[in-house]
Amino acid sequence: MRNPVPAGQQTGRVGQLLFVAQQAAQALAIERLDPLGLSPRAWGVLSTLAESGPLTQIELATAMSIDRTAMVYLIDELEAQTLVERVRSPQDRRAFLIHLTPGGRRAQRKAATALAGAADTLLTPLDAAERRHLVDLLAKIAAYWQQVSASQQNPGTSQTRPAPPVAGHPEASPRPSAHPHPGASAGAAPAAKRLTLRDR
C-alpha cells in the first residue's frame, strides 16, 4: 500500500484531484452496489429518474455525462432487468421517455439504503460546513457543463428542456469515465433490441 502524499506536496492540478476523489467514490459505490447487481451507472440512472421523473435517453445521457450510445446499451440492460421501461412520449410519438418500473423504484430504494454512509466515508476529512460548500461548488460546475452539453447537442433549438439536475446523492457522484463500467458493458445488449437515439 502506498504511503499518502504529504499535504504540502499535493498537486494543485484540479483534474488529478477530482480523478483521485472520483476513484475513491467509485470504489465505495461499487462495494455497496455489486451485491444488488447494479453498477454505479445503473444506480445513476435509477436515482436520476427517481428525482426528475421520466426523461429521454438523451436527457439522461446529458444529466449523467455519458455517451449517447453507451446510454442506449445501459437502458437496454436495465429494461432487460425490468427496472425501467421505454414509453412513447405523448408530445412526440417518435420519442421514448424512460420510466422507472415498480421494480426499479424498489431497486432504487434498496440501493439508496445500501449507499447510506458512503458519502460520510468519502468526505471524512471535511466538517459539515466544508461538505455543504463542496457540494454547492460541484453542483454549480455540473450544472454549467450539463447546459453546455445540452446546447451542443441541440444547436439553435428553443425547445430543449433544461438538463435535469445531478442526482443529489454524493455517494452516487462517481461519474463514469469514458470507459464503461463492466456492469454497463456495451457488448451486453442484444443487437436486435438496440434503439436509435431519435428520442429528442
Foldseek 3Di string as FASTA:
>chain_A
DDDDDPPVPDDPDPVVVVVVLLVLLLVLLCVLCVVVLDHLLLLQVLLLCVVPPWDFLVLSCLLLVADSLLSLLQLLVCVVVVQWDWDQDPVDNVATIIGGDPVVNVSNVSSVVSCVPSVCVSPVVDDPVVVVVVLVVVQVVSQVSSQVVQCVVPPPDPPDDRRRGRRPDVSSPNRDDNDDDPSSDSPPHDPVPGDDRPND
